[in-house]
Protein backbone atom coordinates (compact mmCIF):
# COMPACT_ATOMS: atom_id res chain seq x y z
CA UNK A 1 0.00 0.00 0.00
CA UNK A 2 1.28 3.42 -0.89
CA UNK A 3 -0.56 6.69 -0.35
CA UNK A 4 0.04 8.96 -3.32
CA UNK A 5 0.62 12.68 -3.04
CA UNK A 6 -2.73 13.18 -4.83
CA UNK A 7 -4.49 11.26 -2.06
CA UNK A 8 -2.61 12.99 0.74
CA UNK A 9 -3.23 16.46 -0.68
CA UNK A 10 -6.88 15.54 -1.22
CA UNK A 11 -7.14 14.85 2.50
CA UNK A 12 -5.19 18.02 3.30
CA UNK A 13 -7.40 20.23 1.08
CA UNK A 14 -10.52 18.76 2.68
CA UNK A 15 -8.95 19.37 6.11
CA UNK A 16 -8.51 23.05 5.26
CA UNK A 17 -12.21 23.28 4.38
CA UNK A 18 -13.22 21.40 7.53
CA UNK A 19 -11.08 23.61 9.78
CA UNK A 20 -12.26 26.85 8.24
CA UNK A 21 -15.96 25.93 8.38
CA UNK A 22 -16.51 28.41 5.58
CA UNK A 23 -16.12 28.74 1.82
CA UNK A 24 -12.50 28.89 0.65
CA UNK A 25 -11.05 29.84 -2.72
CA UNK A 26 -8.55 27.75 -4.63
CA UNK A 27 -5.94 30.40 -3.84
CA UNK A 28 -6.55 30.20 -0.09
CA UNK A 29 -6.33 26.41 -0.09
CA UNK A 30 -3.26 26.40 -2.34
CA UNK A 31 -1.46 28.93 -0.11
CA UNK A 32 -2.33 27.03 3.09
CA UNK A 33 -0.99 23.75 1.66
CA UNK A 34 1.96 25.09 -0.33
CA UNK A 35 0.45 23.96 -3.64
CA UNK A 36 0.45 25.69 -7.01
CA UNK A 37 -2.92 27.04 -8.11
CA UNK A 38 -2.94 24.45 -10.92
CA UNK A 39 -2.40 21.50 -8.58
CA UNK A 40 -4.95 22.77 -6.06
CA UNK A 41 -7.48 23.26 -8.87
CA UNK A 42 -6.88 19.72 -10.16
CA UNK A 43 -7.28 18.22 -6.68
CA UNK A 44 -10.42 20.22 -5.93
CA UNK A 45 -11.92 19.28 -9.30
CA UNK A 46 -11.40 15.62 -8.44
CA UNK A 47 -12.91 16.11 -4.97
CA UNK A 48 -15.92 17.81 -6.59
CA UNK A 49 -16.28 14.97 -9.13
CA UNK A 50 -16.45 12.39 -6.33
CA UNK A 51 -18.98 14.45 -4.39
CA UNK A 52 -16.88 15.51 -1.40
CA UNK A 53 -16.93 19.25 -2.12
CA UNK A 54 -19.28 21.66 -3.80
CA UNK A 55 -18.14 24.69 -5.73
CA UNK A 56 -19.66 28.11 -6.11
CA UNK A 57 -18.81 30.18 -9.16
CA UNK A 58 -18.34 33.89 -9.54
CA UNK A 59 -16.92 36.74 -7.53
CA UNK A 60 -18.13 35.21 -4.26
CA UNK A 61 -17.17 31.69 -5.36
CA UNK A 62 -15.19 29.03 -3.61
CA UNK A 63 -15.37 25.50 -2.24
CA UNK A 64 -17.32 23.97 0.64
CA UNK A 65 -17.49 20.47 2.07
CA UNK A 66 -20.46 18.58 0.63
CA UNK A 67 -21.09 16.87 4.00
CA UNK A 68 -20.05 17.40 7.60
CA UNK A 69 -16.45 16.28 8.32
CA UNK A 70 -17.67 13.57 10.69
CA UNK A 71 -19.48 11.90 7.79
CA UNK A 72 -16.45 11.70 5.47
CA UNK A 73 -14.21 8.66 6.06
CA UNK A 74 -10.54 8.76 5.11
CA UNK A 75 -11.08 5.56 3.09
CA UNK A 76 -13.74 7.34 1.02
CA UNK A 77 -11.31 10.14 0.19
CA UNK A 78 -8.48 7.80 -0.80
CA UNK A 79 -10.71 5.48 -2.83
CA UNK A 80 -12.36 8.42 -4.56
CA UNK A 81 -9.06 10.01 -5.45
CA UNK A 82 -7.27 6.92 -6.74
CA UNK A 83 -9.21 3.69 -6.39
CA UNK A 84 -9.01 0.91 -3.82
CA UNK A 85 -6.96 1.53 -0.70
CA UNK A 86 -5.19 -1.82 -0.94
CA UNK A 87 -5.05 -3.89 -4.10
CA UNK A 88 -3.42 -7.20 -4.79
CA UNK A 89 -3.85 -7.47 -8.54
CA UNK A 90 -2.24 -10.85 -9.12
CA UNK A 91 -4.80 -12.61 -6.92
CA UNK A 92 -7.85 -11.14 -8.62
CA UNK A 93 -8.14 -13.28 -11.71
CA UNK A 94 -6.51 -16.67 -11.74
CA UNK A 95 -8.83 -17.98 -14.47
CA UNK A 96 -8.16 -15.52 -17.29
CA UNK A 97 -4.50 -16.37 -17.75
CA UNK A 98 -3.31 -13.05 -16.33
CA UNK A 99 -3.60 -14.03 -12.68
CA UNK A 100 -1.38 -15.90 -10.31
CA UNK A 101 0.01 -19.31 -11.26
CA UNK A 102 -0.58 -20.41 -7.67
CA UNK A 103 -4.36 -20.18 -7.94
CA UNK A 104 -5.06 -23.44 -6.12
CA UNK A 105 -4.00 -23.63 -2.49
CA UNK A 106 -2.36 -20.23 -2.34
CA UNK A 107 -1.19 -19.31 1.14
CA UNK A 108 -0.64 -15.63 0.35
CA UNK A 109 -4.13 -14.78 -0.93
CA UNK A 110 -5.74 -14.91 2.55
CA UNK A 111 -2.88 -12.84 3.97
CA UNK A 112 -3.41 -10.10 1.37
CA UNK A 113 -7.20 -10.29 1.73
CA UNK A 114 -7.06 -9.91 5.52
CA UNK A 115 -4.50 -7.12 5.27
CA UNK A 116 -6.66 -5.30 2.73
CA UNK A 117 -9.70 -5.62 5.00
CA UNK A 118 -7.74 -4.44 8.01
CA UNK A 119 -6.46 -1.34 6.21
CA UNK A 120 -9.87 -0.54 4.73
CA UNK A 121 -11.66 -1.01 8.07
CA UNK A 122 -9.18 1.20 9.89
CA UNK A 123 -9.32 4.00 7.30
CA UNK A 124 -13.13 3.71 7.24
CA UNK A 125 -13.21 4.26 11.00
CA UNK A 126 -11.24 7.52 10.82
CA UNK A 127 -13.18 10.56 9.65
CA UNK A 128 -12.11 13.93 8.35
CA UNK A 129 -13.27 15.35 11.71
CA UNK A 130 -10.77 13.03 13.45
CA UNK A 131 -7.98 14.22 11.17
CA UNK A 132 -8.82 17.86 11.81
CA UNK A 133 -8.99 17.26 15.57
CA UNK A 134 -5.42 15.86 15.40
CA UNK A 135 -6.38 13.43 18.13
CA UNK A 136 -3.90 10.63 18.66
CA UNK A 137 -6.27 9.23 21.30
CA UNK A 138 -8.98 8.72 18.67
CA UNK A 139 -6.59 6.95 16.32
CA UNK A 140 -5.22 4.82 19.19
CA UNK A 141 -8.78 3.85 20.12
CA UNK A 142 -9.52 2.77 16.52
CA UNK A 143 -6.32 0.67 16.39
CA UNK A 144 -7.22 -1.02 19.69
CA UNK A 145 -10.75 -1.74 18.48
CA UNK A 146 -9.53 -3.30 15.24
CA UNK A 147 -6.85 -5.29 17.08
CA UNK A 148 -9.58 -6.57 19.40
CA UNK A 149 -11.73 -7.56 16.43
CA UNK A 150 -8.77 -9.41 14.93
CA UNK A 151 -8.07 -11.20 18.20
CA UNK A 152 -11.68 -12.36 18.35
CA UNK A 153 -11.81 -13.47 14.70
CA UNK A 154 -12.48 -17.21 14.46
CA UNK A 155 -10.30 -17.59 11.36
CA UNK A 156 -7.10 -16.72 13.22
CA UNK A 157 -5.28 -19.40 15.13
CA UNK A 158 -4.66 -18.63 18.83
CA UNK A 159 -0.87 -18.41 18.38
CA UNK A 160 -1.17 -15.80 15.62
CA UNK A 161 -3.63 -13.33 17.17
CA UNK A 162 -2.80 -9.72 17.68
CA UNK A 163 -3.02 -8.43 21.25
CA UNK A 164 -6.51 -7.25 22.21
CA UNK A 165 -5.08 -3.91 23.28
CA UNK A 166 -2.25 -2.04 21.69
CA UNK A 167 0.00 -0.56 24.39
CA UNK A 168 0.04 3.23 24.37
CA UNK A 169 3.12 4.97 23.02
CA UNK A 170 4.94 6.83 25.81
CA UNK A 171 4.68 10.62 25.43
CA UNK A 172 8.41 11.00 24.69
CA UNK A 173 8.20 8.55 21.75
CA UNK A 174 5.08 10.07 20.17
CA UNK A 175 6.85 13.30 19.27
C-alpha atoms as a PDB file:
ATOM      1  CA  UNK A   1       0.000   0.000   0.000  1.00  0.00           C
ATOM      2  CA  UNK A   2       1.284   3.423  -0.893  1.00  0.00           C
ATOM      3  CA  UNK A   3      -0.556   6.686  -0.349  1.00  0.00           C
ATOM      4  CA  UNK A   4       0.037   8.959  -3.323  1.00  0.00           C
ATOM      5  CA  UNK A   5       0.615  12.684  -3.042  1.00  0.00           C
ATOM      6  CA  UNK A   6      -2.728  13.182  -4.826  1.00  0.00           C
ATOM      7  CA  UNK A   7      -4.494  11.262  -2.057  1.00  0.00           C
ATOM      8  CA  UNK A   8      -2.608  12.994   0.740  1.00  0.00           C
ATOM      9  CA  UNK A   9      -3.234  16.459  -0.678  1.00  0.00           C
ATOM     10  CA  UNK A  10      -6.881  15.539  -1.224  1.00  0.00           C
ATOM     11  CA  UNK A  11      -7.140  14.851   2.504  1.00  0.00           C
ATOM     12  CA  UNK A  12      -5.193  18.015   3.295  1.00  0.00           C
ATOM     13  CA  UNK A  13      -7.396  20.226   1.079  1.00  0.00           C
ATOM     14  CA  UNK A  14     -10.516  18.764   2.676  1.00  0.00           C
ATOM     15  CA  UNK A  15      -8.951  19.367   6.106  1.00  0.00           C
ATOM     16  CA  UNK A  16      -8.514  23.047   5.256  1.00  0.00           C
ATOM     17  CA  UNK A  17     -12.207  23.279   4.382  1.00  0.00           C
ATOM     18  CA  UNK A  18     -13.217  21.395   7.533  1.00  0.00           C
ATOM     19  CA  UNK A  19     -11.081  23.606   9.783  1.00  0.00           C
ATOM     20  CA  UNK A  20     -12.264  26.847   8.236  1.00  0.00           C
ATOM     21  CA  UNK A  21     -15.962  25.926   8.383  1.00  0.00           C
ATOM     22  CA  UNK A  22     -16.513  28.413   5.576  1.00  0.00           C
ATOM     23  CA  UNK A  23     -16.117  28.736   1.823  1.00  0.00           C
ATOM     24  CA  UNK A  24     -12.497  28.889   0.653  1.00  0.00           C
ATOM     25  CA  UNK A  25     -11.050  29.837  -2.716  1.00  0.00           C
ATOM     26  CA  UNK A  26      -8.547  27.752  -4.635  1.00  0.00           C
ATOM     27  CA  UNK A  27      -5.940  30.399  -3.844  1.00  0.00           C
ATOM     28  CA  UNK A  28      -6.555  30.198  -0.091  1.00  0.00           C
ATOM     29  CA  UNK A  29      -6.331  26.406  -0.086  1.00  0.00           C
ATOM     30  CA  UNK A  30      -3.257  26.399  -2.337  1.00  0.00           C
ATOM     31  CA  UNK A  31      -1.465  28.926  -0.106  1.00  0.00           C
ATOM     32  CA  UNK A  32      -2.325  27.026   3.086  1.00  0.00           C
ATOM     33  CA  UNK A  33      -0.991  23.748   1.661  1.00  0.00           C
ATOM     34  CA  UNK A  34       1.957  25.093  -0.328  1.00  0.00           C
ATOM     35  CA  UNK A  35       0.455  23.962  -3.644  1.00  0.00           C
ATOM     36  CA  UNK A  36       0.447  25.689  -7.006  1.00  0.00           C
ATOM     37  CA  UNK A  37      -2.924  27.039  -8.111  1.00  0.00           C
ATOM     38  CA  UNK A  38      -2.943  24.447 -10.921  1.00  0.00           C
ATOM     39  CA  UNK A  39      -2.400  21.504  -8.581  1.00  0.00           C
ATOM     40  CA  UNK A  40      -4.952  22.769  -6.059  1.00  0.00           C
ATOM     41  CA  UNK A  41      -7.483  23.261  -8.874  1.00  0.00           C
ATOM     42  CA  UNK A  42      -6.876  19.716 -10.163  1.00  0.00           C
ATOM     43  CA  UNK A  43      -7.277  18.218  -6.680  1.00  0.00           C
ATOM     44  CA  UNK A  44     -10.421  20.222  -5.930  1.00  0.00           C
ATOM     45  CA  UNK A  45     -11.925  19.284  -9.305  1.00  0.00           C
ATOM     46  CA  UNK A  46     -11.403  15.620  -8.444  1.00  0.00           C
ATOM     47  CA  UNK A  47     -12.912  16.113  -4.975  1.00  0.00           C
ATOM     48  CA  UNK A  48     -15.915  17.806  -6.587  1.00  0.00           C
ATOM     49  CA  UNK A  49     -16.283  14.970  -9.127  1.00  0.00           C
ATOM     50  CA  UNK A  50     -16.446  12.387  -6.330  1.00  0.00           C
ATOM     51  CA  UNK A  51     -18.981  14.450  -4.389  1.00  0.00           C
ATOM     52  CA  UNK A  52     -16.878  15.508  -1.399  1.00  0.00           C
ATOM     53  CA  UNK A  53     -16.932  19.252  -2.124  1.00  0.00           C
ATOM     54  CA  UNK A  54     -19.280  21.657  -3.803  1.00  0.00           C
ATOM     55  CA  UNK A  55     -18.140  24.687  -5.735  1.00  0.00           C
ATOM     56  CA  UNK A  56     -19.657  28.109  -6.107  1.00  0.00           C
ATOM     57  CA  UNK A  57     -18.809  30.184  -9.162  1.00  0.00           C
ATOM     58  CA  UNK A  58     -18.335  33.885  -9.542  1.00  0.00           C
ATOM     59  CA  UNK A  59     -16.920  36.742  -7.525  1.00  0.00           C
ATOM     60  CA  UNK A  60     -18.130  35.212  -4.264  1.00  0.00           C
ATOM     61  CA  UNK A  61     -17.172  31.694  -5.360  1.00  0.00           C
ATOM     62  CA  UNK A  62     -15.186  29.034  -3.606  1.00  0.00           C
ATOM     63  CA  UNK A  63     -15.372  25.504  -2.240  1.00  0.00           C
ATOM     64  CA  UNK A  64     -17.324  23.968   0.636  1.00  0.00           C
ATOM     65  CA  UNK A  65     -17.492  20.465   2.066  1.00  0.00           C
ATOM     66  CA  UNK A  66     -20.455  18.576   0.629  1.00  0.00           C
ATOM     67  CA  UNK A  67     -21.094  16.866   3.995  1.00  0.00           C
ATOM     68  CA  UNK A  68     -20.047  17.396   7.599  1.00  0.00           C
ATOM     69  CA  UNK A  69     -16.445  16.284   8.316  1.00  0.00           C
ATOM     70  CA  UNK A  70     -17.670  13.570  10.693  1.00  0.00           C
ATOM     71  CA  UNK A  71     -19.477  11.896   7.787  1.00  0.00           C
ATOM     72  CA  UNK A  72     -16.445  11.696   5.467  1.00  0.00           C
ATOM     73  CA  UNK A  73     -14.211   8.664   6.059  1.00  0.00           C
ATOM     74  CA  UNK A  74     -10.535   8.760   5.111  1.00  0.00           C
ATOM     75  CA  UNK A  75     -11.078   5.562   3.087  1.00  0.00           C
ATOM     76  CA  UNK A  76     -13.739   7.339   1.018  1.00  0.00           C
ATOM     77  CA  UNK A  77     -11.308  10.142   0.190  1.00  0.00           C
ATOM     78  CA  UNK A  78      -8.476   7.796  -0.796  1.00  0.00           C
ATOM     79  CA  UNK A  79     -10.714   5.481  -2.826  1.00  0.00           C
ATOM     80  CA  UNK A  80     -12.365   8.419  -4.561  1.00  0.00           C
ATOM     81  CA  UNK A  81      -9.059  10.009  -5.455  1.00  0.00           C
ATOM     82  CA  UNK A  82      -7.268   6.925  -6.743  1.00  0.00           C
ATOM     83  CA  UNK A  83      -9.207   3.685  -6.394  1.00  0.00           C
ATOM     84  CA  UNK A  84      -9.012   0.911  -3.822  1.00  0.00           C
ATOM     85  CA  UNK A  85      -6.956   1.533  -0.701  1.00  0.00           C
ATOM     86  CA  UNK A  86      -5.194  -1.818  -0.942  1.00  0.00           C
ATOM     87  CA  UNK A  87      -5.048  -3.891  -4.099  1.00  0.00           C
ATOM     88  CA  UNK A  88      -3.415  -7.205  -4.787  1.00  0.00           C
ATOM     89  CA  UNK A  89      -3.851  -7.473  -8.542  1.00  0.00           C
ATOM     90  CA  UNK A  90      -2.243 -10.854  -9.117  1.00  0.00           C
ATOM     91  CA  UNK A  91      -4.797 -12.608  -6.918  1.00  0.00           C
ATOM     92  CA  UNK A  92      -7.855 -11.136  -8.624  1.00  0.00           C
ATOM     93  CA  UNK A  93      -8.143 -13.279 -11.708  1.00  0.00           C
ATOM     94  CA  UNK A  94      -6.510 -16.675 -11.742  1.00  0.00           C
ATOM     95  CA  UNK A  95      -8.832 -17.977 -14.470  1.00  0.00           C
ATOM     96  CA  UNK A  96      -8.164 -15.521 -17.294  1.00  0.00           C
ATOM     97  CA  UNK A  97      -4.499 -16.372 -17.752  1.00  0.00           C
ATOM     98  CA  UNK A  98      -3.315 -13.046 -16.328  1.00  0.00           C
ATOM     99  CA  UNK A  99      -3.597 -14.033 -12.685  1.00  0.00           C
ATOM    100  CA  UNK A 100      -1.382 -15.899 -10.314  1.00  0.00           C
ATOM    101  CA  UNK A 101       0.011 -19.308 -11.260  1.00  0.00           C
ATOM    102  CA  UNK A 102      -0.583 -20.409  -7.669  1.00  0.00           C
ATOM    103  CA  UNK A 103      -4.364 -20.183  -7.942  1.00  0.00           C
ATOM    104  CA  UNK A 104      -5.057 -23.440  -6.116  1.00  0.00           C
ATOM    105  CA  UNK A 105      -4.002 -23.633  -2.494  1.00  0.00           C
ATOM    106  CA  UNK A 106      -2.359 -20.230  -2.341  1.00  0.00           C
ATOM    107  CA  UNK A 107      -1.190 -19.306   1.143  1.00  0.00           C
ATOM    108  CA  UNK A 108      -0.643 -15.627   0.347  1.00  0.00           C
ATOM    109  CA  UNK A 109      -4.131 -14.781  -0.928  1.00  0.00           C
ATOM    110  CA  UNK A 110      -5.739 -14.907   2.545  1.00  0.00           C
ATOM    111  CA  UNK A 111      -2.875 -12.837   3.973  1.00  0.00           C
ATOM    112  CA  UNK A 112      -3.409 -10.100   1.367  1.00  0.00           C
ATOM    113  CA  UNK A 113      -7.200 -10.292   1.730  1.00  0.00           C
ATOM    114  CA  UNK A 114      -7.064  -9.914   5.523  1.00  0.00           C
ATOM    115  CA  UNK A 115      -4.499  -7.120   5.267  1.00  0.00           C
ATOM    116  CA  UNK A 116      -6.665  -5.300   2.726  1.00  0.00           C
ATOM    117  CA  UNK A 117      -9.704  -5.623   4.997  1.00  0.00           C
ATOM    118  CA  UNK A 118      -7.738  -4.441   8.011  1.00  0.00           C
ATOM    119  CA  UNK A 119      -6.460  -1.345   6.207  1.00  0.00           C
ATOM    120  CA  UNK A 120      -9.875  -0.543   4.733  1.00  0.00           C
ATOM    121  CA  UNK A 121     -11.663  -1.007   8.071  1.00  0.00           C
ATOM    122  CA  UNK A 122      -9.184   1.201   9.888  1.00  0.00           C
ATOM    123  CA  UNK A 123      -9.322   4.001   7.302  1.00  0.00           C
ATOM    124  CA  UNK A 124     -13.125   3.714   7.237  1.00  0.00           C
ATOM    125  CA  UNK A 125     -13.210   4.257  10.997  1.00  0.00           C
ATOM    126  CA  UNK A 126     -11.236   7.522  10.821  1.00  0.00           C
ATOM    127  CA  UNK A 127     -13.178  10.560   9.648  1.00  0.00           C
ATOM    128  CA  UNK A 128     -12.106  13.929   8.353  1.00  0.00           C
ATOM    129  CA  UNK A 129     -13.266  15.351  11.714  1.00  0.00           C
ATOM    130  CA  UNK A 130     -10.773  13.028  13.453  1.00  0.00           C
ATOM    131  CA  UNK A 131      -7.979  14.222  11.169  1.00  0.00           C
ATOM    132  CA  UNK A 132      -8.818  17.864  11.806  1.00  0.00           C
ATOM    133  CA  UNK A 133      -8.985  17.260  15.571  1.00  0.00           C
ATOM    134  CA  UNK A 134      -5.423  15.863  15.397  1.00  0.00           C
ATOM    135  CA  UNK A 135      -6.379  13.433  18.128  1.00  0.00           C
ATOM    136  CA  UNK A 136      -3.897  10.630  18.655  1.00  0.00           C
ATOM    137  CA  UNK A 137      -6.269   9.229  21.300  1.00  0.00           C
ATOM    138  CA  UNK A 138      -8.985   8.722  18.671  1.00  0.00           C
ATOM    139  CA  UNK A 139      -6.587   6.947  16.324  1.00  0.00           C
ATOM    140  CA  UNK A 140      -5.216   4.815  19.194  1.00  0.00           C
ATOM    141  CA  UNK A 141      -8.776   3.845  20.117  1.00  0.00           C
ATOM    142  CA  UNK A 142      -9.521   2.774  16.523  1.00  0.00           C
ATOM    143  CA  UNK A 143      -6.325   0.675  16.394  1.00  0.00           C
ATOM    144  CA  UNK A 144      -7.224  -1.019  19.689  1.00  0.00           C
ATOM    145  CA  UNK A 145     -10.749  -1.739  18.476  1.00  0.00           C
ATOM    146  CA  UNK A 146      -9.529  -3.299  15.236  1.00  0.00           C
ATOM    147  CA  UNK A 147      -6.854  -5.292  17.083  1.00  0.00           C
ATOM    148  CA  UNK A 148      -9.577  -6.570  19.403  1.00  0.00           C
ATOM    149  CA  UNK A 149     -11.733  -7.557  16.426  1.00  0.00           C
ATOM    150  CA  UNK A 150      -8.773  -9.410  14.932  1.00  0.00           C
ATOM    151  CA  UNK A 151      -8.067 -11.199  18.196  1.00  0.00           C
ATOM    152  CA  UNK A 152     -11.677 -12.356  18.354  1.00  0.00           C
ATOM    153  CA  UNK A 153     -11.807 -13.469  14.695  1.00  0.00           C
ATOM    154  CA  UNK A 154     -12.479 -17.209  14.459  1.00  0.00           C
ATOM    155  CA  UNK A 155     -10.301 -17.587  11.360  1.00  0.00           C
ATOM    156  CA  UNK A 156      -7.097 -16.720  13.216  1.00  0.00           C
ATOM    157  CA  UNK A 157      -5.285 -19.404  15.134  1.00  0.00           C
ATOM    158  CA  UNK A 158      -4.655 -18.632  18.835  1.00  0.00           C
ATOM    159  CA  UNK A 159      -0.870 -18.412  18.376  1.00  0.00           C
ATOM    160  CA  UNK A 160      -1.170 -15.800  15.621  1.00  0.00           C
ATOM    161  CA  UNK A 161      -3.625 -13.328  17.165  1.00  0.00           C
ATOM    162  CA  UNK A 162      -2.804  -9.719  17.678  1.00  0.00           C
ATOM    163  CA  UNK A 163      -3.024  -8.430  21.250  1.00  0.00           C
ATOM    164  CA  UNK A 164      -6.507  -7.248  22.212  1.00  0.00           C
ATOM    165  CA  UNK A 165      -5.083  -3.908  23.284  1.00  0.00           C
ATOM    166  CA  UNK A 166      -2.249  -2.036  21.692  1.00  0.00           C
ATOM    167  CA  UNK A 167       0.004  -0.560  24.393  1.00  0.00           C
ATOM    168  CA  UNK A 168       0.039   3.234  24.373  1.00  0.00           C
ATOM    169  CA  UNK A 169       3.116   4.974  23.023  1.00  0.00           C
ATOM    170  CA  UNK A 170       4.941   6.835  25.812  1.00  0.00           C
ATOM    171  CA  UNK A 171       4.683  10.620  25.435  1.00  0.00           C
ATOM    172  CA  UNK A 172       8.407  10.999  24.693  1.00  0.00           C
ATOM    173  CA  UNK A 173       8.196   8.546  21.749  1.00  0.00           C
ATOM    174  CA  UNK A 174       5.079  10.066  20.174  1.00  0.00           C
ATOM    175  CA  UNK A 175       6.852  13.304  19.266  1.00  0.00           C
END
